[in-house]
N, C-alpha and C. Protein backbone atom coordinates (compact mmCIF):
# COMPACT_ATOMS: atom_id res chain seq x y z
N UNK A 1 -13.47 -4.64 -11.36
CA UNK A 1 -11.99 -4.39 -12.24
C UNK A 1 -11.09 -5.47 -10.81
N UNK A 2 -10.50 -6.28 -11.91
CA UNK A 2 -9.14 -7.21 -10.61
C UNK A 2 -8.58 -6.30 -9.96
N UNK A 3 -7.99 -4.98 -10.69
CA UNK A 3 -6.89 -5.26 -10.33
C UNK A 3 -7.68 -4.23 -8.77
N UNK A 4 -8.37 -3.15 -9.24
CA UNK A 4 -8.76 -2.71 -8.00
C UNK A 4 -8.64 -3.30 -6.85
N UNK A 5 -9.78 -5.15 -6.52
CA UNK A 5 -8.95 -6.06 -5.96
C UNK A 5 -8.18 -6.24 -5.16
N UNK A 6 -7.19 -6.21 -5.73
CA UNK A 6 -6.13 -6.34 -5.74
C UNK A 6 -5.16 -5.76 -4.85
N UNK A 7 -5.31 -4.21 -5.42
CA UNK A 7 -4.81 -3.11 -4.52
C UNK A 7 -5.77 -2.57 -3.04
N UNK A 8 -7.12 -3.18 -2.61
CA UNK A 8 -7.90 -3.18 -1.90
C UNK A 8 -7.91 -4.62 -0.69
N UNK A 9 -7.97 -5.31 -1.32
CA UNK A 9 -6.76 -6.58 -0.48
C UNK A 9 -5.50 -6.41 0.36
N UNK A 10 -4.95 -5.71 -0.57
CA UNK A 10 -3.17 -4.81 0.23
C UNK A 10 -4.05 -3.80 1.12
N UNK A 11 -4.38 -3.27 0.60
CA UNK A 11 -4.68 -2.04 1.92
C UNK A 11 -5.36 -2.43 3.21
N UNK A 12 -6.46 -3.47 2.82
CA UNK A 12 -7.15 -3.53 4.07
C UNK A 12 -5.77 -4.58 5.12
N UNK A 13 -4.87 -5.08 4.64
CA UNK A 13 -3.73 -6.01 5.13
C UNK A 13 -3.19 -4.86 5.41
N UNK A 14 -2.92 -3.34 5.32
CA UNK A 14 -1.69 -2.72 5.60
C UNK A 14 -2.55 -1.94 6.35
N UNK A 15 -3.60 -1.77 7.02
CA UNK A 15 -4.53 -1.50 7.97
C UNK A 15 -4.15 -1.83 9.02
N UNK A 16 -3.78 -2.83 9.38
CA UNK A 16 -3.62 -3.83 10.67
C UNK A 16 -2.04 -3.89 11.21
N UNK A 17 -1.25 -3.00 9.54
CA UNK A 17 0.48 -3.29 9.87
C UNK A 17 0.59 -2.10 11.03
N UNK A 18 1.49 -2.55 11.89
CA UNK A 18 1.56 -1.06 12.67
C UNK A 18 2.78 -0.30 12.48
N UNK A 19 3.04 -0.94 11.35
CA UNK A 19 4.56 0.14 11.08
C UNK A 19 3.68 1.38 10.28
N UNK A 20 2.38 1.04 9.83
CA UNK A 20 1.80 2.26 8.78
C UNK A 20 1.39 3.04 9.56
N UNK A 21 1.59 4.32 9.10
CA UNK A 21 0.53 5.60 10.11
C UNK A 21 -0.40 5.83 10.00
N UNK A 22 -0.93 6.19 8.72
CA UNK A 22 -1.91 6.17 8.64
C UNK A 22 -1.90 5.93 6.88
N UNK A 23 -3.61 5.18 6.08
CA UNK A 23 -3.69 5.43 4.46
C UNK A 23 -5.14 6.51 4.43
N UNK A 24 -4.08 7.47 3.46
CA UNK A 24 -5.60 8.60 2.86
C UNK A 24 -6.18 8.81 1.44
N UNK A 25 -7.44 8.53 2.01
CA UNK A 25 -8.10 8.77 0.09
C UNK A 25 -7.53 9.57 -0.44
N UNK A 26 -6.96 9.70 -1.73
CA UNK A 26 -6.91 10.34 -2.78
C UNK A 26 -7.79 11.07 -3.72
N UNK A 27 -7.36 11.41 -4.46
CA UNK A 27 -8.52 11.34 -5.68
C UNK A 27 -8.25 10.47 -6.77
N UNK A 28 -6.79 10.42 -6.69
CA UNK A 28 -7.30 9.29 -7.71
C UNK A 28 -6.49 7.88 -6.91
N UNK A 29 -6.73 7.76 -5.86
CA UNK A 29 -6.46 6.63 -5.27
C UNK A 29 -5.94 6.53 -3.69
N UNK A 30 -4.83 6.48 -3.54
CA UNK A 30 -4.45 6.36 -1.96
C UNK A 30 -2.85 7.19 -1.40
N UNK A 31 -2.61 7.44 -0.36
CA UNK A 31 -1.63 7.53 0.07
C UNK A 31 -0.82 7.00 1.79
N UNK A 32 0.14 6.48 1.37
CA UNK A 32 0.43 5.29 2.62
C UNK A 32 1.05 5.56 3.25
N UNK A 33 1.12 6.48 4.31
CA UNK A 33 2.35 7.00 5.71
C UNK A 33 3.04 5.99 6.60
N UNK A 34 4.25 5.37 6.34
CA UNK A 34 5.23 4.82 6.92
C UNK A 34 5.55 5.36 8.71
N UNK A 35 5.70 4.50 9.23
CA UNK A 35 6.54 5.38 10.92
C UNK A 35 7.49 6.07 10.72
N UNK A 36 8.22 5.85 9.94
CA UNK A 36 9.88 5.73 9.49
C UNK A 36 9.43 7.53 8.95
N UNK A 37 8.53 7.78 8.18
CA UNK A 37 8.50 9.29 7.82
C UNK A 37 7.90 9.21 5.82
N UNK A 38 7.71 7.75 5.38
CA UNK A 38 7.81 7.71 4.15
C UNK A 38 7.10 7.74 3.38
N UNK A 39 6.25 8.74 2.40
CA UNK A 39 4.97 8.29 1.85
C UNK A 39 5.03 7.83 0.83
N UNK A 40 3.98 7.13 -0.08
CA UNK A 40 3.90 6.44 -1.21
C UNK A 40 2.48 6.50 -1.52
N UNK A 41 1.97 7.31 -2.67
CA UNK A 41 0.86 6.76 -2.97
C UNK A 41 0.70 6.17 -4.38
N UNK A 42 -0.30 5.69 -4.15
CA UNK A 42 -1.15 4.11 -5.11
C UNK A 42 -2.40 4.72 -5.57
N UNK A 43 -1.99 4.22 -7.13
CA UNK A 43 -3.54 4.26 -7.87
C UNK A 43 -3.92 3.55 -7.70
N UNK A 44 -5.01 3.02 -8.23
CA UNK A 44 -5.86 1.79 -8.67
C UNK A 44 -5.58 0.88 -10.00
N UNK A 45 -4.12 1.07 -10.48
CA UNK A 45 -4.28 0.51 -12.13
C UNK A 45 -3.40 -1.02 -12.02
N UNK A 46 -3.28 -1.30 -13.37
CA UNK A 46 -2.67 -2.64 -12.84
C UNK A 46 -0.53 -2.61 -12.72
N UNK A 47 -0.36 -1.29 -12.94
CA UNK A 47 1.18 -1.76 -12.27
C UNK A 47 1.22 -0.49 -10.78
N UNK A 48 0.16 -0.88 -10.44
CA UNK A 48 0.65 -0.05 -8.96
C UNK A 48 1.31 -0.73 -8.17
N UNK A 49 1.05 -2.27 -8.48
CA UNK A 49 1.30 -3.39 -7.67
C UNK A 49 2.83 -3.72 -6.61
N UNK A 50 4.15 -3.97 -8.34
CA UNK A 50 5.09 -3.78 -8.22
C UNK A 50 6.27 -3.08 -7.18
N UNK A 51 5.50 -1.62 -7.59
CA UNK A 51 6.36 -0.31 -6.87
C UNK A 51 5.80 -0.44 -5.50
N UNK A 52 4.24 -1.08 -4.80
CA UNK A 52 3.84 -0.66 -3.61
C UNK A 52 4.73 -1.86 -2.92
N UNK A 53 4.92 -3.14 -3.69
CA UNK A 53 4.99 -4.26 -3.47
C UNK A 53 6.99 -3.81 -2.10
N UNK A 54 7.85 -3.30 -3.50
CA UNK A 54 8.96 -2.87 -3.22
C UNK A 54 9.13 -1.81 -1.93
N UNK A 55 8.70 -1.03 -2.07
CA UNK A 55 8.48 0.43 -1.08
C UNK A 55 7.87 -0.09 0.29
N UNK A 56 6.55 -1.54 0.23
CA UNK A 56 6.57 -1.84 1.80
C UNK A 56 7.95 -2.52 2.39
N UNK A 57 8.65 -3.00 1.70
CA UNK A 57 9.96 -3.86 2.01
C UNK A 57 10.87 -3.28 2.48
N UNK A 58 11.16 -2.08 1.81
CA UNK A 58 12.01 -0.99 2.14
C UNK A 58 11.74 -0.28 3.99
N UNK A 59 10.63 0.55 3.61
CA UNK A 59 9.92 0.55 4.67
C UNK A 59 9.40 0.12 5.95
N UNK A 60 8.79 -1.03 6.02
CA UNK A 60 8.31 -1.79 6.88
C UNK A 60 8.48 -3.10 7.02
N UNK A 61 8.13 -3.29 7.30
CA UNK A 61 8.46 -5.62 7.89
C UNK A 61 7.81 -6.43 7.22
N UNK A 62 6.80 -5.99 6.39
CA UNK A 62 6.12 -6.86 5.74
C UNK A 62 6.68 -6.82 4.79
N UNK A 63 6.84 -8.21 4.10
CA UNK A 63 7.74 -9.23 3.25
C UNK A 63 7.00 -9.61 2.34
N UNK A 64 6.13 -10.14 3.10
CA UNK A 64 4.91 -11.40 2.40
C UNK A 64 4.06 -11.06 2.26
N UNK A 65 2.93 -10.39 1.23
CA UNK A 65 1.71 -9.93 1.76
C UNK A 65 1.13 -10.75 -0.09
N UNK A 66 -0.21 -11.43 0.40
CA UNK A 66 -0.92 -11.72 -0.10
C UNK A 66 -1.85 -11.32 -1.42
N UNK A 67 -2.56 -11.08 -2.30
CA UNK A 67 -3.07 -10.26 -2.79
C UNK A 67 -4.08 -11.82 -3.78
């Protein structure tokens, strides 16, 4: 699935980010923890990218992620 590949590419980039505390696998996707205490659940569907992008802009210094 193309959408899964997009989200997986972004998650790989997030592993290298210093402001992301951890990425946890859940039953339906992933949970991303920022150092400021914010948590975001990420699923593997087509609509997962826009909300994740907004969350990253608000809670990290990542402004431009490619997928």
